[in-house]
C-alpha atoms as a PDB file:
ATOM      1  CA  MET A   1    -141.829  26.309 -24.118  1.00  0.00           C
ATOM      2  CA  GLY A   2    -141.999  24.772 -27.930  1.00  0.00           C
ATOM      3  CA  LEU A   3    -138.240  25.928 -27.385  1.00  0.00           C
ATOM      4  CA  ILE A   4    -137.572  23.659 -25.193  1.00  0.00           C
ATOM      5  CA  LYS A   5    -139.313  20.724 -26.188  1.00  0.00           C
ATOM      6  CA  THR A   6    -137.642  21.245 -29.926  1.00  0.00           C
ATOM      7  CA  LEU A   7    -134.226  21.463 -27.867  1.00  0.00           C
ATOM      8  CA  LEU A   8    -135.018  18.153 -25.838  1.00  0.00           C
ATOM      9  CA  ILE A   9    -136.025  16.633 -29.303  1.00  0.00           C
ATOM     10  CA  ILE A  10    -132.861  17.327 -30.958  1.00  0.00           C
ATOM     11  CA  GLY A  11    -130.891  16.751 -27.940  1.00  0.00           C
ATOM     12  CA  ILE A  12    -133.083  13.033 -28.332  1.00  0.00           C
ATOM     13  CA  ILE A  13    -132.252  12.132 -31.753  1.00  0.00           C
ATOM     14  CA  TYR A  14    -128.582  13.841 -31.051  1.00  0.00           C
ATOM     15  CA  TYR A  15    -127.148  11.309 -28.474  1.00  0.00           C
ATOM     16  CA  SER A  16    -129.362   8.310 -29.528  1.00  0.00           C
ATOM     17  CA  PHE A  17    -127.840   8.556 -32.965  1.00  0.00           C
ATOM     18  CA  LYS A  18    -124.447   8.810 -31.097  1.00  0.00           C
ATOM     19  CA  PHE A  19    -125.419   5.847 -28.957  1.00  0.00           C
ATOM     20  CA  LEU A  20    -127.053   3.290 -31.932  1.00  0.00           C
ATOM     21  CA  ALA A  21    -123.741   4.758 -33.891  1.00  0.00           C
ATOM     22  CA  ARG A  22    -121.341   3.712 -31.040  1.00  0.00           C
ATOM     23  CA  LEU A  23    -123.059  -0.204 -30.961  1.00  0.00           C
ATOM     24  CA  PHE A  24    -123.503  -0.516 -34.195  1.00  0.00           C
ATOM     25  CA  ALA A  25    -120.260   1.024 -35.970  1.00  0.00           C
ATOM     26  CA  PRO A  26    -117.785  -1.892 -34.778  1.00  0.00           C
ATOM     27  CA  TYR A  27    -119.617  -4.114 -36.796  1.00  0.00           C
ATOM     28  CA  LEU A  28    -120.092  -2.128 -39.969  1.00  0.00           C
ATOM     29  CA  MET A  29    -116.965  -1.625 -39.603  1.00  0.00           C
ATOM     30  CA  LYS A  30    -116.078  -5.187 -39.505  1.00  0.00           C
ATOM     31  CA  LYS A  31    -118.719  -6.426 -42.517  1.00  0.00           C
ATOM     32  CA  ALA A  32    -116.449  -4.093 -44.411  1.00  0.00           C
ATOM     33  CA  MET A  33    -113.128  -5.627 -44.031  1.00  0.00           C
ATOM     34  CA  SER A  34    -114.429  -8.337 -44.526  1.00  0.00           C
ATOM     35  CA  LYS A  35    -115.655  -7.398 -47.882  1.00  0.00           C
ATOM     36  CA  MET A  36    -112.774  -5.611 -48.546  1.00  0.00           C
ATOM     37  CA  GLU A  37    -110.348  -9.125 -47.426  1.00  0.00           C
ATOM     38  CA  GLU A  38    -112.384 -11.404 -49.325  1.00  0.00           C
ATOM     39  CA  LYS A  39    -111.916  -8.898 -52.700  1.00  0.00           C
ATOM     40  CA  MET A  40    -108.441  -8.745 -52.630  1.00  0.00           C
ATOM     41  CA  ARG A  41    -108.129 -12.616 -52.165  1.00  0.00           C
ATOM     42  CA  ASN A  42    -110.097 -13.408 -55.033  1.00  0.00           C
ATOM     43  CA  GLN A  43    -107.896 -11.130 -56.914  1.00  0.00           C
ATOM     44  CA  THR A  44    -104.784 -12.525 -55.484  1.00  0.00           C
ATOM     45  CA  ARG A  45    -106.463 -15.825 -56.700  1.00  0.00           C
ATOM     46  CA  GLN A  46    -107.297 -14.793 -59.611  1.00  0.00           C
ATOM     47  CA  ASN A  47    -103.216 -13.697 -60.324  1.00  0.00           C
ATOM     48  CA  THR A  48    -101.875 -17.076 -59.726  1.00  0.00           C
ATOM     49  CA  THR A  49    -104.187 -19.161 -61.326  1.00  0.00           C
ATOM     50  CA  ASN A  50    -102.648 -18.379 -64.619  1.00  0.00           C
ATOM     51  CA  ASP A  51    -100.329 -21.405 -65.957  1.00  0.00           C
ATOM     52  CA  ILE A  52     -97.167 -19.642 -66.600  1.00  0.00           C
ATOM     53  CA  LYS A  53     -93.880 -22.354 -66.485  1.00  0.00           C
ATOM     54  CA  VAL A  54     -90.908 -20.655 -64.864  1.00  0.00           C
ATOM     55  CA  GLY A  55     -88.494 -18.555 -66.986  1.00  0.00           C
ATOM     56  CA  GLU A  56     -91.045 -18.625 -69.903  1.00  0.00           C
ATOM     57  CA  THR A  57     -91.380 -14.939 -71.974  1.00  0.00           C
ATOM     58  CA  ILE A  58     -95.011 -13.480 -72.504  1.00  0.00           C
ATOM     59  CA  ILE A  59     -95.755 -11.317 -74.899  1.00  0.00           C
ATOM     60  CA  ASP A  60     -99.897  -9.662 -74.580  1.00  0.00           C
ATOM     61  CA  LYS A  61     -99.606  -7.030 -76.976  1.00  0.00           C
ATOM     62  CA  LYS A  62     -97.724  -7.741 -80.443  1.00  0.00           C
ATOM     63  CA  PRO A  63     -95.939  -4.279 -81.214  1.00  0.00           C
ATOM     64  CA  ASN A  64     -97.109  -2.083 -85.071  1.00  0.00           C
ATOM     65  CA  SER A  65     -94.508  -2.866 -87.208  1.00  0.00           C
ATOM     66  CA  ASN A  66     -96.725  -0.579 -90.043  1.00  0.00           C
ATOM     67  CA  LYS A  67     -94.977   2.355 -88.777  1.00  0.00           C
ATOM     68  CA  GLN A  68     -92.590   4.252 -90.939  1.00  0.00           C
ATOM     69  CA  SER A  69     -90.152   7.464 -90.192  1.00  0.00           C
ATOM     70  CA  ASP A  70     -91.058  10.946 -91.791  1.00  0.00           C
ATOM     71  CA  LYS A  71     -88.728  12.062 -93.630  1.00  0.00           C
ATOM     72  CA  SER A  72     -89.639  15.653 -93.339  1.00  0.00           C
ATOM     73  CA  VAL A  73     -89.109  15.703 -90.161  1.00  0.00           C
ATOM     74  CA  GLY A  74     -85.204  15.300 -90.157  1.00  0.00           C
ATOM     75  CA  GLU A  75     -82.079  13.715 -88.676  1.00  0.00           C
ATOM     76  CA  TYR A  76     -81.614  12.917 -85.781  1.00  0.00           C
ATOM     77  CA  ILE A  77     -79.007  13.836 -83.485  1.00  0.00           C
ATOM     78  CA  ASP A  78     -77.726  12.809 -80.143  1.00  0.00           C
ATOM     79  CA  PHE A  79     -76.140  16.062 -78.511  1.00  0.00           C
ATOM     80  CA  GLU A  80     -73.694  15.191 -75.158  1.00  0.00           C
ATOM     81  CA  GLU A  81     -73.007  17.900 -72.506  1.00  0.00           C
ATOM     82  CA  ILE A  82     -69.727  19.511 -73.005  1.00  0.00           C
ATOM     83  CA  ASP A  83     -68.614  20.925 -69.901  1.00  0.00           C
END
């Protein structure tokens, strides 16, 4: 009798979870999609609000000019492949 009762409880829990998932899954998916859509909208809004004129060149980072070549390495030779 205990085995049947345990299997019955497990079956009821399984089917009730399955039923509730079918009820609430569309709502949860819609909610998740709206959050992702809002996040994407905010990201595109941030990218378009920059005050950049058409044709303007923008340099974000100044390149390091203090690099010196190491003379111990040797000379660079450009080899060509011969057929």
